[in-house]
Amino acid sequence: MTDLTLTPTLATLLFVLTCLCGFQYRRVWKAEGPRYQYWLYGVPAALGLAILAFVPLDLTGLAGVSR
């Protein structure tokens, strides 16, 4: 199996997109909006959280980081 890691930039971008999708999901949920929008915003938010939770960060090469 290959060594799968996230760079800090990619992890930050994924975190921001996940937060935006989660915010939109909550907005649609509170307004009792169309059901397809639950899926449209909920699936990317859930996948983003799962990726951030289970894929490690690659911190090699960062100044000041001790391993």
N, C-alpha and C. Protein backbone atom coordinates (compact mmCIF):
# COMPACT_ATOMS: atom_id res chain seq x y z
N MET A 1 0.85 -1.18 0.00
CA MET A 1 0.00 0.00 0.00
C MET A 1 0.89 1.24 0.00
N THR A 2 0.51 2.22 -0.77
CA THR A 2 1.31 3.44 -0.85
C THR A 2 1.08 4.29 0.40
N ASP A 3 2.03 5.19 0.62
CA ASP A 3 1.94 6.07 1.79
C ASP A 3 1.07 7.27 1.42
N LEU A 4 -0.16 7.27 1.88
CA LEU A 4 -1.13 8.31 1.56
C LEU A 4 -1.15 9.35 2.66
N THR A 5 -0.82 10.61 2.33
CA THR A 5 -0.84 11.69 3.31
C THR A 5 -1.42 12.95 2.67
N LEU A 6 -1.83 13.88 3.51
CA LEU A 6 -2.32 15.18 3.05
C LEU A 6 -1.26 16.24 3.33
N THR A 7 -1.03 17.12 2.39
CA THR A 7 -0.16 18.26 2.65
C THR A 7 -0.95 19.26 3.50
N PRO A 8 -0.25 20.11 4.24
CA PRO A 8 -0.98 21.10 5.05
C PRO A 8 -1.87 22.02 4.20
N THR A 9 -1.42 22.39 3.01
CA THR A 9 -2.24 23.25 2.14
C THR A 9 -3.50 22.54 1.70
N LEU A 10 -3.36 21.29 1.28
CA LEU A 10 -4.52 20.51 0.84
C LEU A 10 -5.49 20.26 2.00
N ALA A 11 -4.94 19.98 3.17
CA ALA A 11 -5.79 19.75 4.35
C ALA A 11 -6.56 21.02 4.72
N THR A 12 -5.91 22.17 4.62
CA THR A 12 -6.58 23.43 4.92
C THR A 12 -7.70 23.71 3.92
N LEU A 13 -7.43 23.49 2.65
CA LEU A 13 -8.44 23.69 1.60
C LEU A 13 -9.62 22.74 1.81
N LEU A 14 -9.32 21.49 2.11
CA LEU A 14 -10.38 20.51 2.37
C LEU A 14 -11.20 20.89 3.59
N PHE A 15 -10.55 21.40 4.64
CA PHE A 15 -11.24 21.83 5.84
C PHE A 15 -12.20 22.98 5.55
N VAL A 16 -11.74 23.96 4.78
CA VAL A 16 -12.59 25.12 4.44
C VAL A 16 -13.78 24.67 3.61
N LEU A 17 -13.56 23.83 2.61
CA LEU A 17 -14.67 23.35 1.78
C LEU A 17 -15.66 22.51 2.59
N THR A 18 -15.13 21.71 3.51
CA THR A 18 -16.00 20.91 4.38
C THR A 18 -16.85 21.80 5.27
N CYS A 19 -16.25 22.84 5.81
CA CYS A 19 -17.01 23.77 6.66
C CYS A 19 -18.10 24.49 5.86
N LEU A 20 -17.78 24.90 4.65
CA LEU A 20 -18.78 25.58 3.81
C LEU A 20 -19.93 24.65 3.46
N CYS A 21 -19.61 23.41 3.12
CA CYS A 21 -20.67 22.44 2.82
C CYS A 21 -21.52 22.15 4.06
N GLY A 22 -20.87 22.04 5.21
CA GLY A 22 -21.61 21.79 6.45
C GLY A 22 -22.52 22.95 6.80
N PHE A 23 -22.04 24.17 6.58
CA PHE A 23 -22.86 25.35 6.84
C PHE A 23 -24.08 25.37 5.92
N GLN A 24 -23.87 25.07 4.64
CA GLN A 24 -24.99 25.04 3.69
C GLN A 24 -25.97 23.92 4.04
N TYR A 25 -25.45 22.77 4.46
CA TYR A 25 -26.31 21.67 4.86
C TYR A 25 -27.21 22.09 6.03
N ARG A 26 -26.61 22.74 7.03
CA ARG A 26 -27.39 23.18 8.18
C ARG A 26 -28.43 24.22 7.79
N ARG A 27 -28.07 25.12 6.88
CA ARG A 27 -29.00 26.15 6.43
C ARG A 27 -30.21 25.51 5.74
N VAL A 28 -29.96 24.53 4.87
CA VAL A 28 -31.05 23.84 4.18
C VAL A 28 -31.89 23.03 5.16
N TRP A 29 -31.22 22.40 6.12
CA TRP A 29 -31.93 21.59 7.11
C TRP A 29 -32.86 22.45 7.96
N LYS A 30 -32.36 23.61 8.42
CA LYS A 30 -33.18 24.49 9.25
C LYS A 30 -34.38 25.05 8.48
N ALA A 31 -34.17 25.32 7.19
CA ALA A 31 -35.26 25.86 6.36
C ALA A 31 -36.18 24.77 5.82
N GLU A 32 -35.86 23.51 6.15
CA GLU A 32 -36.61 22.37 5.61
C GLU A 32 -36.71 22.46 4.10
N GLY A 33 -35.56 22.63 3.49
CA GLY A 33 -35.46 22.79 2.04
C GLY A 33 -35.62 21.47 1.30
N PRO A 34 -35.35 21.50 0.00
CA PRO A 34 -35.50 20.30 -0.83
C PRO A 34 -34.56 19.18 -0.38
N ARG A 35 -35.04 17.96 -0.46
CA ARG A 35 -34.29 16.81 0.00
C ARG A 35 -32.99 16.60 -0.77
N TYR A 36 -32.98 16.91 -2.07
CA TYR A 36 -31.76 16.69 -2.85
C TYR A 36 -30.62 17.57 -2.36
N GLN A 37 -30.92 18.72 -1.75
CA GLN A 37 -29.88 19.59 -1.24
C GLN A 37 -29.25 19.03 0.03
N TYR A 38 -30.01 18.22 0.77
CA TYR A 38 -29.40 17.52 1.91
C TYR A 38 -28.23 16.66 1.42
N TRP A 39 -28.48 15.93 0.35
CA TRP A 39 -27.45 15.06 -0.23
C TRP A 39 -26.35 15.87 -0.89
N LEU A 40 -26.73 16.94 -1.56
CA LEU A 40 -25.77 17.76 -2.30
C LEU A 40 -24.72 18.37 -1.37
N TYR A 41 -25.11 18.77 -0.17
CA TYR A 41 -24.18 19.38 0.77
C TYR A 41 -23.72 18.40 1.85
N GLY A 42 -24.54 17.45 2.20
CA GLY A 42 -24.21 16.53 3.29
C GLY A 42 -23.14 15.51 2.94
N VAL A 43 -23.19 14.98 1.73
CA VAL A 43 -22.21 13.97 1.33
C VAL A 43 -20.80 14.55 1.26
N PRO A 44 -20.58 15.70 0.59
CA PRO A 44 -19.22 16.27 0.60
C PRO A 44 -18.74 16.65 2.00
N ALA A 45 -19.64 17.12 2.84
CA ALA A 45 -19.25 17.47 4.21
C ALA A 45 -18.82 16.22 4.99
N ALA A 46 -19.57 15.15 4.86
CA ALA A 46 -19.23 13.91 5.56
C ALA A 46 -17.94 13.30 5.02
N LEU A 47 -17.77 13.30 3.71
CA LEU A 47 -16.54 12.76 3.12
C LEU A 47 -15.32 13.59 3.52
N GLY A 48 -15.49 14.90 3.54
CA GLY A 48 -14.38 15.76 3.94
C GLY A 48 -13.97 15.51 5.37
N LEU A 49 -14.94 15.36 6.26
CA LEU A 49 -14.62 15.08 7.66
C LEU A 49 -13.95 13.72 7.81
N ALA A 50 -14.42 12.73 7.05
CA ALA A 50 -13.82 11.40 7.12
C ALA A 50 -12.37 11.42 6.62
N ILE A 51 -12.14 12.12 5.53
CA ILE A 51 -10.77 12.21 5.00
C ILE A 51 -9.86 12.93 5.99
N LEU A 52 -10.33 14.03 6.54
CA LEU A 52 -9.52 14.76 7.51
C LEU A 52 -9.26 13.94 8.77
N ALA A 53 -10.19 13.09 9.13
CA ALA A 53 -10.03 12.29 10.34
C ALA A 53 -9.09 11.11 10.15
N PHE A 54 -9.08 10.49 8.97
CA PHE A 54 -8.37 9.23 8.80
C PHE A 54 -7.13 9.27 7.93
N VAL A 55 -6.90 10.36 7.21
CA VAL A 55 -5.69 10.48 6.38
C VAL A 55 -4.71 11.39 7.12
N PRO A 56 -3.51 10.90 7.39
CA PRO A 56 -2.56 11.70 8.17
C PRO A 56 -1.99 12.87 7.38
N LEU A 57 -1.52 13.87 8.12
CA LEU A 57 -0.85 15.02 7.52
C LEU A 57 0.61 14.69 7.26
N ASP A 58 1.16 15.21 6.18
CA ASP A 58 2.58 15.08 5.88
C ASP A 58 3.28 16.35 6.38
N LEU A 59 3.99 16.23 7.48
CA LEU A 59 4.64 17.38 8.09
C LEU A 59 6.14 17.39 7.86
N THR A 60 6.62 16.54 6.97
CA THR A 60 8.06 16.52 6.69
C THR A 60 8.45 17.77 5.92
N GLY A 61 9.58 18.30 6.26
CA GLY A 61 10.08 19.47 5.54
C GLY A 61 9.60 20.80 6.12
N LEU A 62 8.76 20.78 7.15
CA LEU A 62 8.31 22.02 7.75
C LEU A 62 9.31 22.47 8.81
N ALA A 63 9.65 23.73 8.80
CA ALA A 63 10.62 24.26 9.76
C ALA A 63 10.03 24.27 11.17
N GLY A 64 10.82 23.87 12.15
CA GLY A 64 10.38 23.92 13.53
C GLY A 64 9.54 22.75 13.99
N VAL A 65 9.34 21.76 13.11
CA VAL A 65 8.53 20.61 13.48
C VAL A 65 9.49 19.47 13.84
N SER A 66 9.43 19.01 15.06
CA SER A 66 10.29 17.90 15.47
C SER A 66 9.50 16.60 15.39
N ARG A 67 10.18 15.55 15.02
CA ARG A 67 9.52 14.25 14.90
C ARG A 67 10.12 13.29 15.85
